[in-house]
C-alpha atoms as a PDB file:
ATOM      1  CA  MET A   1       1.231   0.477   5.290  1.00  0.00           C
ATOM      2  CA  ASN A   2       4.017  -0.113   2.514  1.00  0.00           C
ATOM      3  CA  HIS A   3       5.436   2.175  -0.026  1.00  0.00           C
ATOM      4  CA  GLU A   4       3.368   1.364  -3.061  1.00  0.00           C
ATOM      5  CA  ASN A   5       0.306   1.403  -1.031  1.00  0.00           C
ATOM      6  CA  LYS A   6       0.968   4.894   0.354  1.00  0.00           C
ATOM      7  CA  MET A   7       1.523   5.700  -3.128  1.00  0.00           C
ATOM      8  CA  ARG A   8      -1.574   4.390  -4.300  1.00  0.00           C
ATOM      9  CA  GLU A   9      -3.448   6.356  -1.745  1.00  0.00           C
ATOM     10  CA  ARG A  10      -1.531   9.494  -2.514  1.00  0.00           C
ATOM     11  CA  ILE A  11      -2.368   9.505  -6.138  1.00  0.00           C
ATOM     12  CA  CYS A  12      -6.278   9.021  -5.539  1.00  0.00           C
ATOM     13  CA  GLU A  13      -6.022  12.031  -2.937  1.00  0.00           C
ATOM     14  CA  LEU A  14      -3.945  14.371  -5.513  1.00  0.00           C
ATOM     15  CA  ALA A  15      -6.425  13.379  -8.349  1.00  0.00           C
ATOM     16  CA  LEU A  16      -9.545  14.211  -6.521  1.00  0.00           C
ATOM     17  CA  SER A  17      -8.119  17.285  -5.447  1.00  0.00           C
ATOM     18  CA  MET A  18      -7.276  18.324  -8.860  1.00  0.00           C
ATOM     19  CA  PHE A  19     -10.431  17.252 -10.263  1.00  0.00           C
ATOM     20  CA  GLN A  20     -12.575  19.123  -7.559  1.00  0.00           C
ATOM     21  CA  ARG A  21     -10.509  22.253  -8.329  1.00  0.00           C
ATOM     22  CA  GLY A  22     -11.426  22.168 -11.991  1.00  0.00           C
ATOM     23  CA  LEU A  23      -7.713  21.224 -13.001  1.00  0.00           C
ATOM     24  CA  THR A  24      -9.250  18.266 -14.651  1.00  0.00           C
ATOM     25  CA  PHE A  25     -12.541  17.001 -15.940  1.00  0.00           C
ATOM     26  CA  GLY A  26     -14.240  14.208 -17.345  1.00  0.00           C
ATOM     27  CA  ALA A  27     -11.853  11.107 -17.876  1.00  0.00           C
ATOM     28  CA  SER A  28      -9.085  13.204 -18.935  1.00  0.00           C
ATOM     29  CA  GLY A  29      -5.675  13.535 -17.386  1.00  0.00           C
ATOM     30  CA  ASN A  30      -3.362  10.937 -15.863  1.00  0.00           C
ATOM     31  CA  ILE A  31      -0.802  10.667 -13.329  1.00  0.00           C
ATOM     32  CA  SER A  32       2.132   7.716 -12.633  1.00  0.00           C
ATOM     33  CA  VAL A  33       4.448   7.088  -9.769  1.00  0.00           C
ATOM     34  CA  ARG A  34       7.771   5.132 -10.365  1.00  0.00           C
ATOM     35  CA  LEU A  35       8.281   2.453  -8.192  1.00  0.00           C
ATOM     36  CA  ASP A  36      11.525   0.191  -7.412  1.00  0.00           C
ATOM     37  CA  ASN A  37      10.295  -2.159 -10.141  1.00  0.00           C
ATOM     38  CA  GLY A  38       7.949  -0.721 -12.258  1.00  0.00           C
ATOM     39  CA  TRP A  39       5.168   2.268 -12.052  1.00  0.00           C
ATOM     40  CA  LEU A  40       1.884   3.065 -10.868  1.00  0.00           C
ATOM     41  CA  MET A  41      -0.579   4.758 -13.208  1.00  0.00           C
ATOM     42  CA  THR A  42      -4.473   5.824 -13.551  1.00  0.00           C
ATOM     43  CA  PRO A  43      -6.302   3.491 -15.714  1.00  0.00           C
ATOM     44  CA  THR A  44      -7.996   4.326 -19.162  1.00  0.00           C
ATOM     45  CA  GLY A  45     -11.430   5.671 -18.946  1.00  0.00           C
ATOM     46  CA  SER A  46     -11.277   6.510 -15.376  1.00  0.00           C
ATOM     47  CA  THR A  47     -12.047   9.906 -13.743  1.00  0.00           C
ATOM     48  CA  MET A  48      -9.617  11.585 -11.319  1.00  0.00           C
ATOM     49  CA  GLY A  49     -12.646  12.129  -9.086  1.00  0.00           C
ATOM     50  CA  ASN A  50     -13.284   8.542  -8.227  1.00  0.00           C
ATOM     51  CA  LEU A  51     -10.192   6.792  -8.437  1.00  0.00           C
ATOM     52  CA  ASP A  52      -9.789   3.509  -6.634  1.00  0.00           C
ATOM     53  CA  PRO A  53      -6.404   2.610  -5.187  1.00  0.00           C
ATOM     54  CA  ALA A  54      -6.727  -1.099  -5.865  1.00  0.00           C
ATOM     55  CA  ARG A  55      -7.716  -0.716  -9.360  1.00  0.00           C
ATOM     56  CA  LEU A  56      -4.734   1.551 -10.414  1.00  0.00           C
ATOM     57  CA  SER A  57      -2.708   0.218 -13.104  1.00  0.00           C
ATOM     58  CA  ARG A  58       0.371  -1.690 -12.146  1.00  0.00           C
ATOM     59  CA  LEU A  59       3.085  -1.843 -14.691  1.00  0.00           C
ATOM     60  CA  ASP A  60       6.656  -3.402 -14.876  1.00  0.00           C
ATOM     61  CA  ALA A  61       9.968  -1.180 -16.059  1.00  0.00           C
ATOM     62  CA  ASN A  62       9.120  -1.891 -19.516  1.00  0.00           C
ATOM     63  CA  GLY A  63       5.384  -0.446 -19.085  1.00  0.00           C
ATOM     64  CA  ARG A  64       3.727  -4.139 -19.368  1.00  0.00           C
ATOM     65  CA  LEU A  65       0.357  -4.491 -17.410  1.00  0.00           C
ATOM     66  CA  ILE A  66       1.187  -6.389 -14.244  1.00  0.00           C
ATOM     67  CA  SER A  67      -2.158  -6.065 -12.231  1.00  0.00           C
ATOM     68  CA  GLY A  68      -5.165  -3.547 -11.971  1.00  0.00           C
ATOM     69  CA  ASP A  69      -7.105  -2.032 -14.921  1.00  0.00           C
ATOM     70  CA  LYS A  70      -5.510  -1.079 -18.372  1.00  0.00           C
ATOM     71  CA  PRO A  71      -3.410   2.007 -18.301  1.00  0.00           C
ATOM     72  CA  THR A  72      -4.180   4.806 -20.295  1.00  0.00           C
ATOM     73  CA  LYS A  73      -3.145   5.072 -24.092  1.00  0.00           C
ATOM     74  CA  GLU A  74      -0.836   8.024 -22.997  1.00  0.00           C
ATOM     75  CA  ALA A  75       1.265   5.930 -20.569  1.00  0.00           C
ATOM     76  CA  PHE A  76       3.801   5.973 -23.092  1.00  0.00           C
ATOM     77  CA  LEU A  77       4.254   9.837 -22.123  1.00  0.00           C
ATOM     78  CA  HIS A  78       5.016   8.784 -18.972  1.00  0.00           C
ATOM     79  CA  GLN A  79       7.427   5.959 -19.899  1.00  0.00           C
ATOM     80  CA  THR A  80       9.378   8.429 -22.186  1.00  0.00           C
ATOM     81  CA  MET A  81       9.842  10.830 -19.251  1.00  0.00           C
ATOM     82  CA  TYR A  82      11.085   8.250 -16.669  1.00  0.00           C
ATOM     83  CA  ASP A  83      13.733   6.900 -19.227  1.00  0.00           C
ATOM     84  CA  CYS A  84      14.682  10.360 -20.101  1.00  0.00           C
ATOM     85  CA  ARG A  85      14.924  11.600 -16.884  1.00  0.00           C
ATOM     86  CA  HIS A  86      16.401   9.355 -14.023  1.00  0.00           C
ATOM     87  CA  ASP A  87      15.351  12.107 -11.281  1.00  0.00           C
ATOM     88  CA  ALA A  88      11.757  11.562 -12.229  1.00  0.00           C
ATOM     89  CA  GLU A  89       9.640   9.690  -9.611  1.00  0.00           C
ATOM     90  CA  ALA A  90       6.281  10.897 -10.907  1.00  0.00           C
ATOM     91  CA  VAL A  91       4.725  12.441 -14.238  1.00  0.00           C
ATOM     92  CA  VAL A  92       1.378  14.264 -14.216  1.00  0.00           C
ATOM     93  CA  HIS A  93      -0.322  15.035 -17.636  1.00  0.00           C
ATOM     94  CA  LEU A  94      -3.376  17.250 -17.719  1.00  0.00           C
ATOM     95  CA  HIS A  95      -5.597  18.958 -20.109  1.00  0.00           C
ATOM     96  CA  SER A  96      -6.131  21.897 -17.686  1.00  0.00           C
ATOM     97  CA  SER A  97      -8.197  24.917 -19.535  1.00  0.00           C
ATOM     98  CA  HIS A  98      -5.399  27.621 -19.419  1.00  0.00           C
ATOM     99  CA  ALA A  99      -2.348  25.488 -20.128  1.00  0.00           C
ATOM    100  CA  THR A 100      -4.405  23.965 -22.836  1.00  0.00           C
ATOM    101  CA  ALA A 101      -5.379  27.198 -24.205  1.00  0.00           C
ATOM    102  CA  VAL A 102      -1.863  28.510 -24.371  1.00  0.00           C
ATOM    103  CA  SER A 103      -1.198  24.924 -26.040  1.00  0.00           C
ATOM    104  CA  CYS A 104      -3.507  26.107 -29.001  1.00  0.00           C
ATOM    105  CA  LEU A 105      -1.835  29.676 -29.549  1.00  0.00           C
ATOM    106  CA  ASP A 106       0.426  30.393 -32.333  1.00  0.00           C
ATOM    107  CA  CYS A 107       3.628  30.597 -30.493  1.00  0.00           C
ATOM    108  CA  GLU A 108       6.720  32.544 -31.948  1.00  0.00           C
ATOM    109  CA  ASP A 109       9.320  30.871 -29.887  1.00  0.00           C
ATOM    110  CA  CYS A 110       8.309  27.326 -29.373  1.00  0.00           C
ATOM    111  CA  THR A 111      11.585  26.926 -27.259  1.00  0.00           C
ATOM    112  CA  SER A 112       9.787  28.960 -24.473  1.00  0.00           C
ATOM    113  CA  VAL A 113       6.333  29.358 -24.709  1.00  0.00           C
ATOM    114  CA  LEU A 114       5.543  30.793 -21.419  1.00  0.00           C
ATOM    115  CA  PRO A 115       7.491  33.988 -20.145  1.00  0.00           C
ATOM    116  CA  PRO A 116       8.788  33.950 -16.544  1.00  0.00           C
ATOM    117  CA  LEU A 117       6.113  36.315 -15.144  1.00  0.00           C
ATOM    118  CA  THR A 118       6.498  34.960 -11.376  1.00  0.00           C
ATOM    119  CA  PRO A 119       9.607  33.286  -9.512  1.00  0.00           C
ATOM    120  CA  TYR A 120       7.588  30.563  -8.460  1.00  0.00           C
ATOM    121  CA  PHE A 121       7.147  29.749 -12.408  1.00  0.00           C
ATOM    122  CA  VAL A 122      10.885  29.935 -12.956  1.00  0.00           C
ATOM    123  CA  MET A 123      11.365  27.536  -9.708  1.00  0.00           C
ATOM    124  CA  ARG A 124       8.706  24.855 -10.110  1.00  0.00           C
ATOM    125  CA  VAL A 125       8.844  25.031 -14.013  1.00  0.00           C
ATOM    126  CA  GLY A 126      12.000  26.656 -15.985  1.00  0.00           C
ATOM    127  CA  GLN A 127      11.435  27.012 -19.492  1.00  0.00           C
ATOM    128  CA  LEU A 128       8.411  25.608 -21.196  1.00  0.00           C
ATOM    129  CA  PRO A 129       8.939  24.341 -24.744  1.00  0.00           C
ATOM    130  CA  MET A 130       5.936  22.955 -26.808  1.00  0.00           C
ATOM    131  CA  VAL A 131       6.262  19.646 -28.629  1.00  0.00           C
ATOM    132  CA  PRO A 132       4.460  19.721 -32.220  1.00  0.00           C
ATOM    133  CA  TYR A 133       1.118  18.176 -32.794  1.00  0.00           C
ATOM    134  CA  PHE A 134       0.339  14.508 -32.749  1.00  0.00           C
ATOM    135  CA  PRO A 135      -2.966  12.941 -32.588  1.00  0.00           C
ATOM    136  CA  PRO A 136      -3.665  11.250 -28.983  1.00  0.00           C
ATOM    137  CA  GLY A 137      -1.774   8.013 -28.451  1.00  0.00           C
ATOM    138  CA  ASP A 138       0.232   8.200 -31.594  1.00  0.00           C
ATOM    139  CA  PRO A 139       3.748   6.612 -30.617  1.00  0.00           C
ATOM    140  CA  ASP A 140       5.463   9.376 -32.866  1.00  0.00           C
ATOM    141  CA  LEU A 141       4.913  11.787 -29.785  1.00  0.00           C
ATOM    142  CA  ALA A 142       6.905   9.660 -27.532  1.00  0.00           C
ATOM    143  CA  GLY A 143      10.039  10.523 -29.940  1.00  0.00           C
ATOM    144  CA  ALA A 144       9.151  14.155 -29.957  1.00  0.00           C
ATOM    145  CA  VAL A 145       8.634  14.306 -26.260  1.00  0.00           C
ATOM    146  CA  GLY A 146      12.033  12.709 -25.882  1.00  0.00           C
ATOM    147  CA  LYS A 147      13.942  14.998 -27.739  1.00  0.00           C
ATOM    148  CA  LEU A 148      13.100  17.725 -24.955  1.00  0.00           C
ATOM    149  CA  ALA A 149      12.681  15.566 -21.929  1.00  0.00           C
ATOM    150  CA  GLY A 150      16.237  15.337 -21.176  1.00  0.00           C
ATOM    151  CA  GLU A 151      16.743  19.142 -20.765  1.00  0.00           C
ATOM    152  CA  HIS A 152      12.799  20.011 -19.467  1.00  0.00           C
ATOM    153  CA  HIS A 153      11.121  18.574 -16.926  1.00  0.00           C
ATOM    154  CA  ALA A 154       7.972  19.947 -18.066  1.00  0.00           C
ATOM    155  CA  VAL A 155       6.445  20.196 -21.713  1.00  0.00           C
ATOM    156  CA  LEU A 156       3.391  21.760 -23.537  1.00  0.00           C
ATOM    157  CA  LEU A 157       1.718  19.404 -26.115  1.00  0.00           C
ATOM    158  CA  ALA A 158       0.442  21.234 -29.066  1.00  0.00           C
ATOM    159  CA  ASN A 159      -3.456  21.531 -28.864  1.00  0.00           C
ATOM    160  CA  HIS A 160      -3.176  18.717 -26.167  1.00  0.00           C
ATOM    161  CA  GLY A 161      -1.796  20.111 -22.544  1.00  0.00           C
ATOM    162  CA  PRO A 162       0.818  19.805 -20.272  1.00  0.00           C
ATOM    163  CA  VAL A 163       3.247  17.133 -19.058  1.00  0.00           C
ATOM    164  CA  VAL A 164       5.349  17.525 -15.882  1.00  0.00           C
ATOM    165  CA  ALA A 165       7.885  15.058 -14.478  1.00  0.00           C
ATOM    166  CA  GLY A 166       8.786  15.803 -10.804  1.00  0.00           C
ATOM    167  CA  THR A 167      11.121  14.467  -8.194  1.00  0.00           C
ATOM    168  CA  SER A 168       8.469  13.400  -6.187  1.00  0.00           C
ATOM    169  CA  LEU A 169       4.654  13.081  -6.636  1.00  0.00           C
ATOM    170  CA  ASP A 170       4.050  16.222  -4.775  1.00  0.00           C
ATOM    171  CA  ASN A 171       6.696  18.064  -6.597  1.00  0.00           C
ATOM    172  CA  ALA A 172       4.962  16.918 -10.090  1.00  0.00           C
ATOM    173  CA  ALA A 173       1.674  17.972  -8.781  1.00  0.00           C
ATOM    174  CA  PHE A 174       3.063  21.633  -7.413  1.00  0.00           C
ATOM    175  CA  ALA A 175       5.132  22.084 -10.771  1.00  0.00           C
ATOM    176  CA  MET A 176       1.767  21.250 -12.771  1.00  0.00           C
ATOM    177  CA  GLU A 177      -0.225  23.673 -10.782  1.00  0.00           C
ATOM    178  CA  GLU A 178       2.256  26.387 -11.150  1.00  0.00           C
ATOM    179  CA  LEU A 179       2.333  25.867 -15.095  1.00  0.00           C
ATOM    180  CA  GLU A 180      -1.372  26.047 -14.931  1.00  0.00           C
ATOM    181  CA  GLU A 181      -1.656  29.254 -12.841  1.00  0.00           C
ATOM    182  CA  THR A 182       0.978  31.018 -14.962  1.00  0.00           C
ATOM    183  CA  ALA A 183      -0.600  30.227 -18.117  1.00  0.00           C
ATOM    184  CA  LYS A 184      -3.754  32.105 -16.895  1.00  0.00           C
ATOM    185  CA  LEU A 185      -1.718  34.959 -15.763  1.00  0.00           C
ATOM    186  CA  PHE A 186      -0.423  34.815 -19.200  1.00  0.00           C
ATOM    187  CA  LEU A 187      -3.944  34.845 -20.884  1.00  0.00           C
ATOM    188  CA  LEU A 188      -5.350  37.590 -18.443  1.00  0.00           C
ATOM    189  CA  LEU A 189      -2.199  39.878 -19.697  1.00  0.00           C
ATOM    190  CA  GLN A 190      -2.852  39.495 -23.087  1.00  0.00           C
ATOM    191  CA  GLY A 191      -2.695  42.991 -24.877  1.00  0.00           C
ATOM    192  CA  MET A 192      -1.248  44.577 -21.733  1.00  0.00           C
ATOM    193  CA  ARG A 193       2.458  45.965 -21.419  1.00  0.00           C
ATOM    194  CA  THR A 194       4.169  43.029 -19.409  1.00  0.00           C
ATOM    195  CA  ARG A 195       7.149  42.872 -16.897  1.00  0.00           C
ATOM    196  CA  PRO A 196       8.636  39.497 -17.142  1.00  0.00           C
ATOM    197  CA  LEU A 197      11.702  38.570 -15.029  1.00  0.00           C
ATOM    198  CA  ASP A 198      14.775  39.554 -16.726  1.00  0.00           C
ATOM    199  CA  THR A 199      17.818  37.165 -17.750  1.00  0.00           C
ATOM    200  CA  ALA A 200      19.599  38.292 -14.525  1.00  0.00           C
ATOM    201  CA  GLN A 201      16.634  37.619 -12.239  1.00  0.00           C
ATOM    202  CA  VAL A 202      16.109  34.350 -13.978  1.00  0.00           C
ATOM    203  CA  ASP A 203      19.629  33.515 -13.535  1.00  0.00           C
ATOM    204  CA  GLU A 204      19.845  34.525  -9.930  1.00  0.00           C
ATOM    205  CA  LEU A 205      16.707  32.436  -9.050  1.00  0.00           C
ATOM    206  CA  ASN A 206      18.696  29.483 -11.054  1.00  0.00           C
ATOM    207  CA  THR A 207      21.781  29.886  -9.080  1.00  0.00           C
ATOM    208  CA  ARG A 208      19.800  30.297  -5.801  1.00  0.00           C
ATOM    209  CA  PHE A 209      17.163  27.306  -6.338  1.00  0.00           C
ATOM    210  CA  GLY A 210      18.706  25.187  -9.267  1.00  0.00           C
ATOM    211  CA  LYS A 211      18.071  25.154 -12.870  1.00  0.00           C
ATOM    212  CA  LYS A 212      14.993  23.157 -13.636  1.00  0.00           C
END
């Protein structure tokens, strides 16, 4: 099995796992993987619970459809992440419940929406900025994401959900799941006195494991 076919299978495996665990629902969310001469993407109107590897959208390096079903209208979000992050090999975008709930909150500091509650959030996600609200599919959203994507591999779209790029498909998926779990913890701890990691502790993690 060649690399592209392996990635087709892996996209569908991860998508089904996310669907079964309630991280995505209906026809929401999308996944892409960079290839040597373009990328693969989950099609528009498809459910992550029942993807066909052969029908995934096959796009060229400029985002034009080569084969497969029509890509999601949010393909430009993935294109922006790839253009801004040369280390990105995959992008995952979900409307997962807890992260999307956080995206609906009035944030005091939109440069860092979630506090560093655990070392794993720091190691897998790092700082999470909020992107201002735009309607789904609005091309101006690409510019807003592009302003942040060079410095951040994960962003939260206001009233929409998270977008995460990774150095592999598994890394993007693991970071997305860590983001969702941290959002859940953040909401559970609302109204309680919390003890996030301090600056020195975050710096130590970044020194040991690399800054995200």
